[in-house]
Amino acid sequence: MMKPLQILNKQTLIDILGDEPSEHLKFIASFLTQAQESLKKLVQLYNNNDYLNIRGEAHYLKTSANAVGAEKVGDILQQLEENANKSHKAKCKILIQHINVEVKQLYLEFKNDR
């Protein structure tokens, strides 16, 4: 049985950066900034029905999400990548909204850790 996905898997950060909480905070803060920019871009691409670039942007952000241990965000981005590949407009819209919600959850968890 698979473990449920975490908003933030801190072990991923420890594996990559070592046990340096200040480095973890910098890494997550950088990801959150990148995620906000990517979300704006995803909405714009969605409004232009640009599925090829939605797929590319989702893949790019997914790589970063997985690197910081943002498992839920990474999973939703994987789904977005797959649905953009099939040009599933309605599903893409829902997934972009879910990414926004999960990034906010990640931010709250990050803020509480500081």
PDB file of N, CA and C in Angstrom:
ATOM      1  N   MET A   1       0.834  -1.186   0.000  1.00  0.00           N
ATOM      2  CA  MET A   1       0.000   0.000   0.000  1.00  0.00           C
ATOM      3  C   MET A   1       0.885   1.258   0.000  1.00  0.00           C
ATOM      4  N   MET A   2       0.562   2.198  -0.887  1.00  0.00           N
ATOM      5  CA  MET A   2       1.346   3.429  -0.985  1.00  0.00           C
ATOM      6  C   MET A   2       1.017   4.389   0.148  1.00  0.00           C
ATOM      7  N   LYS A   3       2.051   5.115   0.591  1.00  0.00           N
ATOM      8  CA  LYS A   3       1.827   6.160   1.587  1.00  0.00           C
ATOM      9  C   LYS A   3       1.063   7.303   0.934  1.00  0.00           C
ATOM     10  N   PRO A   4       0.189   7.945   1.701  1.00  0.00           N
ATOM     11  CA  PRO A   4      -0.487   9.125   1.131  1.00  0.00           C
ATOM     12  C   PRO A   4       0.550  10.217   0.815  1.00  0.00           C
ATOM     13  N   LEU A   5       0.265  10.972  -0.219  1.00  0.00           N
ATOM     14  CA  LEU A   5       1.172  12.051  -0.602  1.00  0.00           C
ATOM     15  C   LEU A   5       1.143  13.148   0.455  1.00  0.00           C
ATOM     16  N   GLN A   6       2.296  13.744   0.671  1.00  0.00           N
ATOM     17  CA  GLN A   6       2.419  14.805   1.662  1.00  0.00           C
ATOM     18  C   GLN A   6       2.437  16.172   0.981  1.00  0.00           C
ATOM     19  N   ILE A   7       1.964  17.172   1.723  1.00  0.00           N
ATOM     20  CA  ILE A   7       2.068  18.544   1.227  1.00  0.00           C
ATOM     21  C   ILE A   7       3.547  18.883   1.102  1.00  0.00           C
ATOM     22  N   LEU A   8       4.312  18.537   2.148  1.00  0.00           N
ATOM     23  CA  LEU A   8       5.749  18.772   2.140  1.00  0.00           C
ATOM     24  C   LEU A   8       6.451  17.599   2.825  1.00  0.00           C
ATOM     25  N   ASN A   9       7.205  16.846   2.043  1.00  0.00           N
ATOM     26  CA  ASN A   9       7.971  15.731   2.584  1.00  0.00           C
ATOM     27  C   ASN A   9       9.354  16.277   2.952  1.00  0.00           C
ATOM     28  N   LYS A  10       9.532  16.510   4.233  1.00  0.00           N
ATOM     29  CA  LYS A  10      10.791  17.113   4.698  1.00  0.00           C
ATOM     30  C   LYS A  10      11.988  16.193   4.495  1.00  0.00           C
ATOM     31  N   GLN A  11      11.737  14.893   4.432  1.00  0.00           N
ATOM     32  CA  GLN A  11      12.836  13.958   4.214  1.00  0.00           C
ATOM     33  C   GLN A  11      13.489  14.194   2.847  1.00  0.00           C
ATOM     34  N   THR A  12      12.689  14.588   1.872  1.00  0.00           N
ATOM     35  CA  THR A  12      13.227  14.895   0.540  1.00  0.00           C
ATOM     36  C   THR A  12      14.238  16.043   0.642  1.00  0.00           C
ATOM     37  N   LEU A  13      13.883  17.067   1.399  1.00  0.00           N
ATOM     38  CA  LEU A  13      14.802  18.200   1.586  1.00  0.00           C
ATOM     39  C   LEU A  13      16.073  17.765   2.302  1.00  0.00           C
ATOM     40  N   ILE A  14      15.929  16.927   3.322  1.00  0.00           N
ATOM     41  CA  ILE A  14      17.099  16.445   4.070  1.00  0.00           C
ATOM     42  C   ILE A  14      17.998  15.627   3.150  1.00  0.00           C
ATOM     43  N   ASP A  15      17.381  14.793   2.298  1.00  0.00           N
ATOM     44  CA  ASP A  15      18.154  13.964   1.375  1.00  0.00           C
ATOM     45  C   ASP A  15      18.950  14.819   0.389  1.00  0.00           C
ATOM     46  N   ILE A  16      18.368  15.921  -0.047  1.00  0.00           N
ATOM     47  CA  ILE A  16      19.018  16.773  -1.048  1.00  0.00           C
ATOM     48  C   ILE A  16      19.987  17.764  -0.415  1.00  0.00           C
ATOM     49  N   LEU A  17      19.548  18.415   0.673  1.00  0.00           N
ATOM     50  CA  LEU A  17      20.316  19.533   1.238  1.00  0.00           C
ATOM     51  C   LEU A  17      21.000  19.225   2.559  1.00  0.00           C
ATOM     52  N   GLY A  18      20.734  18.052   3.107  1.00  0.00           N
ATOM     53  CA  GLY A  18      21.243  17.761   4.438  1.00  0.00           C
ATOM     54  C   GLY A  18      20.309  18.352   5.485  1.00  0.00           C
ATOM     55  N   ASP A  19      20.693  18.219   6.726  1.00  0.00           N
ATOM     56  CA  ASP A  19      19.827  18.682   7.818  1.00  0.00           C
ATOM     57  C   ASP A  19      20.137  20.145   8.147  1.00  0.00           C
ATOM     58  N   GLU A  20      19.842  21.015   7.202  1.00  0.00           N
ATOM     59  CA  GLU A  20      20.091  22.455   7.332  1.00  0.00           C
ATOM     60  C   GLU A  20      18.775  23.209   7.170  1.00  0.00           C
ATOM     61  N   PRO A  21      18.014  23.395   8.257  1.00  0.00           N
ATOM     62  CA  PRO A  21      16.703  24.045   8.148  1.00  0.00           C
ATOM     63  C   PRO A  21      16.714  25.382   7.409  1.00  0.00           C
ATOM     64  N   SER A  22      17.770  26.188   7.592  1.00  0.00           N
ATOM     65  CA  SER A  22      17.801  27.482   6.905  1.00  0.00           C
ATOM     66  C   SER A  22      17.888  27.292   5.385  1.00  0.00           C
ATOM     67  N   GLU A  23      18.621  26.268   4.960  1.00  0.00           N
ATOM     68  CA  GLU A  23      18.700  25.958   3.521  1.00  0.00           C
ATOM     69  C   GLU A  23      17.356  25.445   3.014  1.00  0.00           C
ATOM     70  N   HIS A  24      16.665  24.644   3.814  1.00  0.00           N
ATOM     71  CA  HIS A  24      15.342  24.139   3.440  1.00  0.00           C
ATOM     72  C   HIS A  24      14.395  25.310   3.195  1.00  0.00           C
ATOM     73  N   LEU A  25      14.415  26.282   4.110  1.00  0.00           N
ATOM     74  CA  LEU A  25      13.524  27.436   3.986  1.00  0.00           C
ATOM     75  C   LEU A  25      13.819  28.229   2.714  1.00  0.00           C
ATOM     76  N   LYS A  26      15.093  28.420   2.404  1.00  0.00           N
ATOM     77  CA  LYS A  26      15.463  29.139   1.171  1.00  0.00           C
ATOM     78  C   LYS A  26      14.977  28.387  -0.066  1.00  0.00           C
ATOM     79  N   PHE A  27      15.162  27.075  -0.054  1.00  0.00           N
ATOM     80  CA  PHE A  27      14.779  26.225  -1.182  1.00  0.00           C
ATOM     81  C   PHE A  27      13.270  26.276  -1.405  1.00  0.00           C
ATOM     82  N   ILE A  28      12.510  26.164  -0.311  1.00  0.00           N
ATOM     83  CA  ILE A  28      11.045  26.186  -0.416  1.00  0.00           C
ATOM     84  C   ILE A  28      10.565  27.570  -0.833  1.00  0.00           C
ATOM     85  N   ALA A  29      11.147  28.612  -0.261  1.00  0.00           N
ATOM     86  CA  ALA A  29      10.763  29.982  -0.631  1.00  0.00           C
ATOM     87  C   ALA A  29      10.986  30.211  -2.121  1.00  0.00           C
ATOM     88  N   SER A  30      12.097  29.730  -2.624  1.00  0.00           N
ATOM     89  CA  SER A  30      12.399  29.850  -4.053  1.00  0.00           C
ATOM     90  C   SER A  30      11.364  29.088  -4.891  1.00  0.00           C
ATOM     91  N   PHE A  31      11.011  27.881  -4.439  1.00  0.00           N
ATOM     92  CA  PHE A  31      10.003  27.105  -5.161  1.00  0.00           C
ATOM     93  C   PHE A  31       8.659  27.826  -5.157  1.00  0.00           C
ATOM     94  N   LEU A  32       8.262  28.392  -4.023  1.00  0.00           N
ATOM     95  CA  LEU A  32       6.968  29.083  -3.940  1.00  0.00           C
ATOM     96  C   LEU A  32       6.921  30.275  -4.900  1.00  0.00           C
ATOM     97  N   THR A  33       8.020  30.997  -5.012  1.00  0.00           N
ATOM     98  CA  THR A  33       8.097  32.112  -5.962  1.00  0.00           C
ATOM     99  C   THR A  33       7.942  31.584  -7.386  1.00  0.00           C
ATOM    100  N   GLN A  34       8.668  30.514  -7.686  1.00  0.00           N
ATOM    101  CA  GLN A  34       8.586  29.906  -9.016  1.00  0.00           C
ATOM    102  C   GLN A  34       7.170  29.397  -9.294  1.00  0.00           C
ATOM    103  N   ALA A  35       6.538  28.794  -8.299  1.00  0.00           N
ATOM    104  CA  ALA A  35       5.190  28.234  -8.469  1.00  0.00           C
ATOM    105  C   ALA A  35       4.183  29.337  -8.785  1.00  0.00           C
ATOM    106  N   GLN A  36       4.299  30.478  -8.112  1.00  0.00           N
ATOM    107  CA  GLN A  36       3.374  31.591  -8.379  1.00  0.00           C
ATOM    108  C   GLN A  36       3.520  32.074  -9.821  1.00  0.00           C
ATOM    109  N   GLU A  37       4.761  32.197 -10.281  1.00  0.00           N
ATOM    110  CA  GLU A  37       5.004  32.614 -11.668  1.00  0.00           C
ATOM    111  C   GLU A  37       4.459  31.576 -12.651  1.00  0.00           C
ATOM    112  N   SER A  38       4.713  30.318 -12.364  1.00  0.00           N
ATOM    113  CA  SER A  38       4.245  29.244 -13.240  1.00  0.00           C
ATOM    114  C   SER A  38       2.724  29.175 -13.282  1.00  0.00           C
ATOM    115  N   LEU A  39       2.091  29.387 -12.145  1.00  0.00           N
ATOM    116  CA  LEU A  39       0.625  29.367 -12.118  1.00  0.00           C
ATOM    117  C   LEU A  39       0.045  30.466 -13.000  1.00  0.00           C
ATOM    118  N   LYS A  40       0.631  31.663 -12.927  1.00  0.00           N
ATOM    119  CA  LYS A  40       0.172  32.758 -13.792  1.00  0.00           C
ATOM    120  C   LYS A  40       0.322  32.355 -15.256  1.00  0.00           C
ATOM    121  N   LYS A  41       1.466  31.761 -15.568  1.00  0.00           N
ATOM    122  CA  LYS A  41       1.738  31.346 -16.941  1.00  0.00           C
ATOM    123  C   LYS A  41       0.762  30.235 -17.370  1.00  0.00           C
ATOM    124  N   LEU A  42       0.491  29.284 -16.475  1.00  0.00           N
ATOM    125  CA  LEU A  42      -0.439  28.194 -16.797  1.00  0.00           C
ATOM    126  C   LEU A  42      -1.838  28.725 -17.105  1.00  0.00           C
ATOM    127  N   VAL A  43      -2.291  29.696 -16.334  1.00  0.00           N
ATOM    128  CA  VAL A  43      -3.617  30.284 -16.577  1.00  0.00           C
ATOM    129  C   VAL A  43      -3.641  30.965 -17.944  1.00  0.00           C
ATOM    130  N   GLN A  44      -2.592  31.706 -18.239  1.00  0.00           N
ATOM    131  CA  GLN A  44      -2.494  32.386 -19.535  1.00  0.00           C
ATOM    132  C   GLN A  44      -2.479  31.370 -20.684  1.00  0.00           C
ATOM    133  N   LEU A  45      -1.686  30.321 -20.536  1.00  0.00           N
ATOM    134  CA  LEU A  45      -1.610  29.289 -21.571  1.00  0.00           C
ATOM    135  C   LEU A  45      -2.953  28.584 -21.728  1.00  0.00           C
ATOM    136  N   TYR A  46      -3.614  28.322 -20.602  1.00  0.00           N
ATOM    137  CA  TYR A  46      -4.931  27.684 -20.630  1.00  0.00           C
ATOM    138  C   TYR A  46      -5.923  28.570 -21.388  1.00  0.00           C
ATOM    139  N   ASN A  47      -5.918  29.856 -21.075  1.00  0.00           N
ATOM    140  CA  ASN A  47      -6.838  30.786 -21.747  1.00  0.00           C
ATOM    141  C   ASN A  47      -6.583  30.860 -23.247  1.00  0.00           C
ATOM    142  N   ASN A  48      -5.352  30.548 -23.660  1.00  0.00           N
ATOM    143  CA  ASN A  48      -4.999  30.532 -25.088  1.00  0.00           C
ATOM    144  C   ASN A  48      -5.091  29.139 -25.708  1.00  0.00           C
ATOM    145  N   ASN A  49      -5.605  28.176 -24.939  1.00  0.00           N
ATOM    146  CA  ASN A  49      -5.703  26.777 -25.405  1.00  0.00           C
ATOM    147  C   ASN A  49      -4.362  26.244 -25.899  1.00  0.00           C
ATOM    148  N   ASP A  50      -3.288  26.626 -25.243  1.00  0.00           N
ATOM    149  CA  ASP A  50      -1.932  26.251 -25.646  1.00  0.00           C
ATOM    150  C   ASP A  50      -1.482  25.018 -24.841  1.00  0.00           C
ATOM    151  N   TYR A  51      -2.004  23.859 -25.222  1.00  0.00           N
ATOM    152  CA  TYR A  51      -1.772  22.631 -24.457  1.00  0.00           C
ATOM    153  C   TYR A  51      -0.324  22.160 -24.507  1.00  0.00           C
ATOM    154  N   LEU A  52       0.336  22.393 -25.621  1.00  0.00           N
ATOM    155  CA  LEU A  52       1.739  21.991 -25.733  1.00  0.00           C
ATOM    156  C   LEU A  52       2.582  22.703 -24.673  1.00  0.00           C
ATOM    157  N   ASN A  53       2.372  24.004 -24.531  1.00  0.00           N
ATOM    158  CA  ASN A  53       3.140  24.760 -23.544  1.00  0.00           C
ATOM    159  C   ASN A  53       2.639  24.550 -22.115  1.00  0.00           C
ATOM    160  N   ILE A  54       1.361  24.209 -21.951  1.00  0.00           N
ATOM    161  CA  ILE A  54       0.868  23.829 -20.619  1.00  0.00           C
ATOM    162  C   ILE A  54       1.632  22.588 -20.177  1.00  0.00           C
ATOM    163  N   ARG A  55       1.744  21.642 -21.073  1.00  0.00           N
ATOM    164  CA  ARG A  55       2.466  20.401 -20.758  1.00  0.00           C
ATOM    165  C   ARG A  55       3.912  20.701 -20.371  1.00  0.00           C
ATOM    166  N   GLY A  56       4.564  21.552 -21.129  1.00  0.00           N
ATOM    167  CA  GLY A  56       5.959  21.903 -20.845  1.00  0.00           C
ATOM    168  C   GLY A  56       6.112  22.620 -19.515  1.00  0.00           C
ATOM    169  N   GLU A  57       5.237  23.572 -19.246  1.00  0.00           N
ATOM    170  CA  GLU A  57       5.303  24.329 -17.986  1.00  0.00           C
ATOM    171  C   GLU A  57       5.001  23.410 -16.796  1.00  0.00           C
ATOM    172  N   ALA A  58       4.023  22.528 -16.955  1.00  0.00           N
ATOM    173  CA  ALA A  58       3.686  21.575 -15.886  1.00  0.00           C
ATOM    174  C   ALA A  58       4.872  20.656 -15.608  1.00  0.00           C
ATOM    175  N   HIS A  59       5.533  20.203 -16.646  1.00  0.00           N
ATOM    176  CA  HIS A  59       6.692  19.317 -16.485  1.00  0.00           C
ATOM    177  C   HIS A  59       7.823  20.048 -15.746  1.00  0.00           C
ATOM    178  N   TYR A  60       8.074  21.270 -16.143  1.00  0.00           N
ATOM    179  CA  TYR A  60       9.132  22.088 -15.541  1.00  0.00           C
ATOM    180  C   TYR A  60       8.868  22.292 -14.048  1.00  0.00           C
ATOM    181  N   LEU A  61       7.644  22.680 -13.702  1.00  0.00           N
ATOM    182  CA  LEU A  61       7.315  22.938 -12.303  1.00  0.00           C
ATOM    183  C   LEU A  61       7.263  21.637 -11.505  1.00  0.00           C
ATOM    184  N   LYS A  62       6.832  20.559 -12.148  1.00  0.00           N
ATOM    185  CA  LYS A  62       6.774  19.246 -11.472  1.00  0.00           C
ATOM    186  C   LYS A  62       8.168  18.825 -11.010  1.00  0.00           C
ATOM    187  N   THR A  63       9.153  19.043 -11.847  1.00  0.00           N
ATOM    188  CA  THR A  63      10.533  18.692 -11.492  1.00  0.00           C
ATOM    189  C   THR A  63      10.960  19.446 -10.236  1.00  0.00           C
ATOM    190  N   SER A  64      10.651  20.729 -10.172  1.00  0.00           N
ATOM    191  CA  SER A  64      10.985  21.532  -8.990  1.00  0.00           C
ATOM    192  C   SER A  64      10.178  21.093  -7.771  1.00  0.00           C
ATOM    193  N   ALA A  65       8.890  20.825  -7.959  1.00  0.00           N
ATOM    194  CA  ALA A  65       8.030  20.391  -6.846  1.00  0.00           C
ATOM    195  C   ALA A  65       8.569  19.105  -6.228  1.00  0.00           C
ATOM    196  N   ASN A  66       8.939  18.169  -7.082  1.00  0.00           N
ATOM    197  CA  ASN A  66       9.468  16.896  -6.577  1.00  0.00           C
ATOM    198  C   ASN A  66      10.805  17.098  -5.859  1.00  0.00           C
ATOM    199  N   ALA A  67      11.602  18.051  -6.317  1.00  0.00           N
ATOM    200  CA  ALA A  67      12.898  18.310  -5.695  1.00  0.00           C
ATOM    201  C   ALA A  67      12.754  18.869  -4.281  1.00  0.00           C
ATOM    202  N   VAL A  68      11.699  19.661  -4.032  1.00  0.00           N
ATOM    203  CA  VAL A  68      11.515  20.225  -2.689  1.00  0.00           C
ATOM    204  C   VAL A  68      10.648  19.336  -1.801  1.00  0.00           C
ATOM    205  N   GLY A  69      10.105  18.253  -2.363  1.00  0.00           N
ATOM    206  CA  GLY A  69       9.264  17.364  -1.562  1.00  0.00           C
ATOM    207  C   GLY A  69       7.808  17.786  -1.523  1.00  0.00           C
ATOM    208  N   ALA A  70       7.378  18.632  -2.466  1.00  0.00           N
ATOM    209  CA  ALA A  70       5.970  19.044  -2.557  1.00  0.00           C
ATOM    210  C   ALA A  70       5.222  17.955  -3.333  1.00  0.00           C
ATOM    211  N   GLU A  71       4.962  16.845  -2.652  1.00  0.00           N
ATOM    212  CA  GLU A  71       4.450  15.647  -3.314  1.00  0.00           C
ATOM    213  C   GLU A  71       3.067  15.852  -3.940  1.00  0.00           C
ATOM    214  N   LYS A  72       2.161  16.494  -3.224  1.00  0.00           N
ATOM    215  CA  LYS A  72       0.813  16.695  -3.779  1.00  0.00           C
ATOM    216  C   LYS A  72       0.853  17.590  -5.014  1.00  0.00           C
ATOM    217  N   VAL A  73       1.626  18.661  -4.941  1.00  0.00           N
ATOM    218  CA  VAL A  73       1.753  19.565  -6.089  1.00  0.00           C
ATOM    219  C   VAL A  73       2.358  18.806  -7.272  1.00  0.00           C
ATOM    220  N   GLY A  74       3.410  18.032  -7.016  1.00  0.00           N
ATOM    221  CA  GLY A  74       4.048  17.255  -8.078  1.00  0.00           C
ATOM    222  C   GLY A  74       3.099  16.271  -8.732  1.00  0.00           C
ATOM    223  N   ASP A  75       2.276  15.619  -7.920  1.00  0.00           N
ATOM    224  CA  ASP A  75       1.314  14.646  -8.447  1.00  0.00           C
ATOM    225  C   ASP A  75       0.266  15.328  -9.335  1.00  0.00           C
ATOM    226  N   ILE A  76      -0.242  16.457  -8.891  1.00  0.00           N
ATOM    227  CA  ILE A  76      -1.249  17.169  -9.691  1.00  0.00           C
ATOM    228  C   ILE A  76      -0.629  17.691 -10.981  1.00  0.00           C
ATOM    229  N   LEU A  77       0.612  18.145 -10.909  1.00  0.00           N
ATOM    230  CA  LEU A  77       1.304  18.605 -12.119  1.00  0.00           C
ATOM    231  C   LEU A  77       1.503  17.462 -13.111  1.00  0.00           C
ATOM    232  N   GLN A  78       1.769  16.265 -12.600  1.00  0.00           N
ATOM    233  CA  GLN A  78       1.883  15.091 -13.470  1.00  0.00           C
ATOM    234  C   GLN A  78       0.552  14.855 -14.195  1.00  0.00           C
ATOM    235  N   GLN A  79      -0.542  14.955 -13.457  1.00  0.00           N
ATOM    236  CA  GLN A  79      -1.869  14.778 -14.059  1.00  0.00           C
ATOM    237  C   GLN A  79      -2.150  15.871 -15.090  1.00  0.00           C
ATOM    238  N   LEU A  80      -1.735  17.101 -14.772  1.00  0.00           N
ATOM    239  CA  LEU A  80      -1.931  18.206 -15.712  1.00  0.00           C
ATOM    240  C   LEU A  80      -1.140  17.954 -16.992  1.00  0.00           C
ATOM    241  N   GLU A  81       0.076  17.492 -16.826  1.00  0.00           N
ATOM    242  CA  GLU A  81       0.928  17.186 -17.979  1.00  0.00           C
ATOM    243  C   GLU A  81       0.227  16.159 -18.890  1.00  0.00           C
ATOM    244  N   GLU A  82      -0.299  15.106 -18.277  1.00  0.00           N
ATOM    245  CA  GLU A  82      -0.970  14.046 -19.040  1.00  0.00           C
ATOM    246  C   GLU A  82      -2.241  14.554 -19.714  1.00  0.00           C
ATOM    247  N   ASN A  83      -3.029  15.365 -19.010  1.00  0.00           N
ATOM    248  CA  ASN A  83      -4.283  15.863 -19.576  1.00  0.00           C
ATOM    249  C   ASN A  83      -4.052  16.927 -20.636  1.00  0.00           C
ATOM    250  N   ALA A  84      -2.998  17.724 -20.488  1.00  0.00           N
ATOM    251  CA  ALA A  84      -2.661  18.708 -21.518  1.00  0.00           C
ATOM    252  C   ALA A  84      -2.232  17.986 -22.795  1.00  0.00           C
ATOM    253  N   ASN A  85      -1.562  16.860 -22.614  1.00  0.00           N
ATOM    254  CA  ASN A  85      -1.134  16.055 -23.761  1.00  0.00           C
ATOM    255  C   ASN A  85      -2.338  15.582 -24.573  1.00  0.00           C
ATOM    256  N   LYS A  86      -3.477  15.405 -23.903  1.00  0.00           N
ATOM    257  CA  LYS A  86      -4.708  14.943 -24.565  1.00  0.00           C
ATOM    258  C   LYS A  86      -5.658  16.104 -24.843  1.00  0.00           C
ATOM    259  N   SER A  87      -5.233  17.333 -24.559  1.00  0.00           N
ATOM    260  CA  SER A  87      -6.044  18.545 -24.753  1.00  0.00           C
ATOM    261  C   SER A  87      -7.393  18.462 -24.046  1.00  0.00           C
ATOM    262  N   HIS A  88      -7.417  17.921 -22.828  1.00  0.00           N
ATOM    263  CA  HIS A  88      -8.644  17.841 -22.029  1.00  0.00           C
ATOM    264  C   HIS A  88      -8.842  19.161 -21.289  1.00  0.00           C
ATOM    265  N   LYS A  89      -9.547  20.075 -21.946  1.00  0.00           N
ATOM    266  CA  LYS A  89      -9.687  21.440 -21.427  1.00  0.00           C
ATOM    267  C   LYS A  89     -10.314  21.483 -20.033  1.00  0.00           C
ATOM    268  N   ALA A  90     -11.448  20.834 -19.835  1.00  0.00           N
ATOM    269  CA  ALA A  90     -12.149  20.903 -18.544  1.00  0.00           C
ATOM    270  C   ALA A  90     -11.294  20.329 -17.422  1.00  0.00           C
ATOM    271  N   LYS A  91     -10.633  19.205 -17.690  1.00  0.00           N
ATOM    272  CA  LYS A  91      -9.793  18.575 -16.676  1.00  0.00           C
ATOM    273  C   LYS A  91      -8.577  19.461 -16.361  1.00  0.00           C
ATOM    274  N   CYS A  92      -8.003  20.073 -17.385  1.00  0.00           N
ATOM    275  CA  CYS A  92      -6.860  20.968 -17.179  1.00  0.00           C
ATOM    276  C   CYS A  92      -7.250  22.132 -16.269  1.00  0.00           C
ATOM    277  N   LYS A  93      -8.429  22.692 -16.487  1.00  0.00           N
ATOM    278  CA  LYS A  93      -8.885  23.816 -15.658  1.00  0.00           C
ATOM    279  C   LYS A  93      -8.968  23.397 -14.192  1.00  0.00           C
ATOM    280  N   ILE A  94      -9.579  22.259 -13.931  1.00  0.00           N
ATOM    281  CA  ILE A  94      -9.715  21.761 -12.559  1.00  0.00           C
ATOM    282  C   ILE A  94      -8.339  21.521 -11.940  1.00  0.00           C
ATOM    283  N   LEU A  95      -7.435  20.937 -12.696  1.00  0.00           N
ATOM    284  CA  LEU A  95      -6.100  20.638 -12.175  1.00  0.00           C
ATOM    285  C   LEU A  95      -5.313  21.918 -11.868  1.00  0.00           C
ATOM    286  N   ILE A  96      -5.431  22.921 -12.715  1.00  0.00           N
ATOM    287  CA  ILE A  96      -4.751  24.197 -12.450  1.00  0.00           C
ATOM    288  C   ILE A  96      -5.300  24.815 -11.155  1.00  0.00           C
ATOM    289  N   GLN A  97      -6.604  24.714 -10.959  1.00  0.00           N
ATOM    290  CA  GLN A  97      -7.204  25.213  -9.709  1.00  0.00           C
ATOM    291  C   GLN A  97      -6.682  24.425  -8.509  1.00  0.00           C
ATOM    292  N   HIS A  98      -6.551  23.112  -8.660  1.00  0.00           N
ATOM    293  CA  HIS A  98      -6.037  22.271  -7.568  1.00  0.00           C
ATOM    294  C   HIS A  98      -4.576  22.617  -7.247  1.00  0.00           C
ATOM    295  N   ILE A  99      -3.802  22.884  -8.278  1.00  0.00           N
ATOM    296  CA  ILE A  99      -2.393  23.261  -8.057  1.00  0.00           C
ATOM    297  C   ILE A  99      -2.343  24.538  -7.220  1.00  0.00           C
ATOM    298  N   ASN A 100      -3.181  25.492  -7.561  1.00  0.00           N
ATOM    299  CA  ASN A 100      -3.234  26.750  -6.815  1.00  0.00           C
ATOM    300  C   ASN A 100      -3.556  26.493  -5.340  1.00  0.00           C
ATOM    301  N   VAL A 101      -4.534  25.641  -5.062  1.00  0.00           N
ATOM    302  CA  VAL A 101      -4.919  25.308  -3.681  1.00  0.00           C
ATOM    303  C   VAL A 101      -3.752  24.637  -2.953  1.00  0.00           C
ATOM    304  N   GLU A 102      -3.105  23.681  -3.606  1.00  0.00           N
ATOM    305  CA  GLU A 102      -2.008  22.951  -2.959  1.00  0.00           C
ATOM    306  C   GLU A 102      -0.781  23.823  -2.735  1.00  0.00           C
ATOM    307  N   VAL A 103      -0.518  24.754  -3.645  1.00  0.00           N
ATOM    308  CA  VAL A 103       0.610  25.684  -3.444  1.00  0.00           C
ATOM    309  C   VAL A 103       0.317  26.557  -2.230  1.00  0.00           C
ATOM    310  N   LYS A 104      -0.934  26.972  -2.063  1.00  0.00           N
ATOM    311  CA  LYS A 104      -1.305  27.759  -0.876  1.00  0.00           C
ATOM    312  C   LYS A 104      -1.130  26.931   0.394  1.00  0.00           C
ATOM    313  N   GLN A 105      -1.485  25.651   0.345  1.00  0.00           N
ATOM    314  CA  GLN A 105      -1.292  24.759   1.502  1.00  0.00           C
ATOM    315  C   GLN A 105       0.198  24.629   1.828  1.00  0.00           C
ATOM    316  N   LEU A 106       1.005  24.482   0.796  1.00  0.00           N
ATOM    317  CA  LEU A 106       2.452  24.392   0.981  1.00  0.00           C
ATOM    318  C   LEU A 106       2.985  25.665   1.626  1.00  0.00           C
ATOM    319  N   TYR A 107       2.490  26.810   1.158  1.00  0.00           N
ATOM    320  CA  TYR A 107       2.909  28.089   1.731  1.00  0.00           C
ATOM    321  C   TYR A 107       2.564  28.142   3.224  1.00  0.00           C
ATOM    322  N   LEU A 108       1.349  27.714   3.583  1.00  0.00           N
ATOM    323  CA  LEU A 108       0.934  27.736   4.993  1.00  0.00           C
ATOM    324  C   LEU A 108       1.819  26.824   5.839  1.00  0.00           C
ATOM    325  N   GLU A 109       2.133  25.646   5.312  1.00  0.00           N
ATOM    326  CA  GLU A 109       3.007  24.733   6.038  1.00  0.00           C
ATOM    327  C   GLU A 109       4.412  25.334   6.192  1.00  0.00           C
ATOM    328  N   PHE A 110       4.884  25.948   5.128  1.00  0.00           N
ATOM    329  CA  PHE A 110       6.190  26.603   5.136  1.00  0.00           C
ATOM    330  C   PHE A 110       6.205  27.730   6.167  1.00  0.00           C
ATOM    331  N   LYS A 111       5.145  28.548   6.169  1.00  0.00           N
ATOM    332  CA  LYS A 111       5.049  29.686   7.085  1.00  0.00           C
ATOM    333  C   LYS A 111       5.038  29.203   8.545  1.00  0.00           C
ATOM    334  N   ASN A 112       4.359  28.109   8.792  1.00  0.00           N
ATOM    335  CA  ASN A 112       4.274  27.579  10.157  1.00  0.00           C
ATOM    336  C   ASN A 112       5.589  26.975  10.626  1.00  0.00           C
ATOM    337  N   ASP A 113       6.449  26.591   9.685  1.00  0.00           N
ATOM    338  CA  ASP A 113       7.744  25.998  10.025  1.00  0.00           C
ATOM    339  C   ASP A 113       8.805  27.034  10.369  1.00  0.00           C
ATOM    340  N   ARG A 114       8.574  28.267  10.006  1.00  0.00           N
ATOM    341  CA  ARG A 114       9.597  29.306  10.156  1.00  0.00           C
ATOM    342  C   ARG A 114       9.839  29.679  11.593  1.00  0.00           C
TER     343      ARG A 114
END
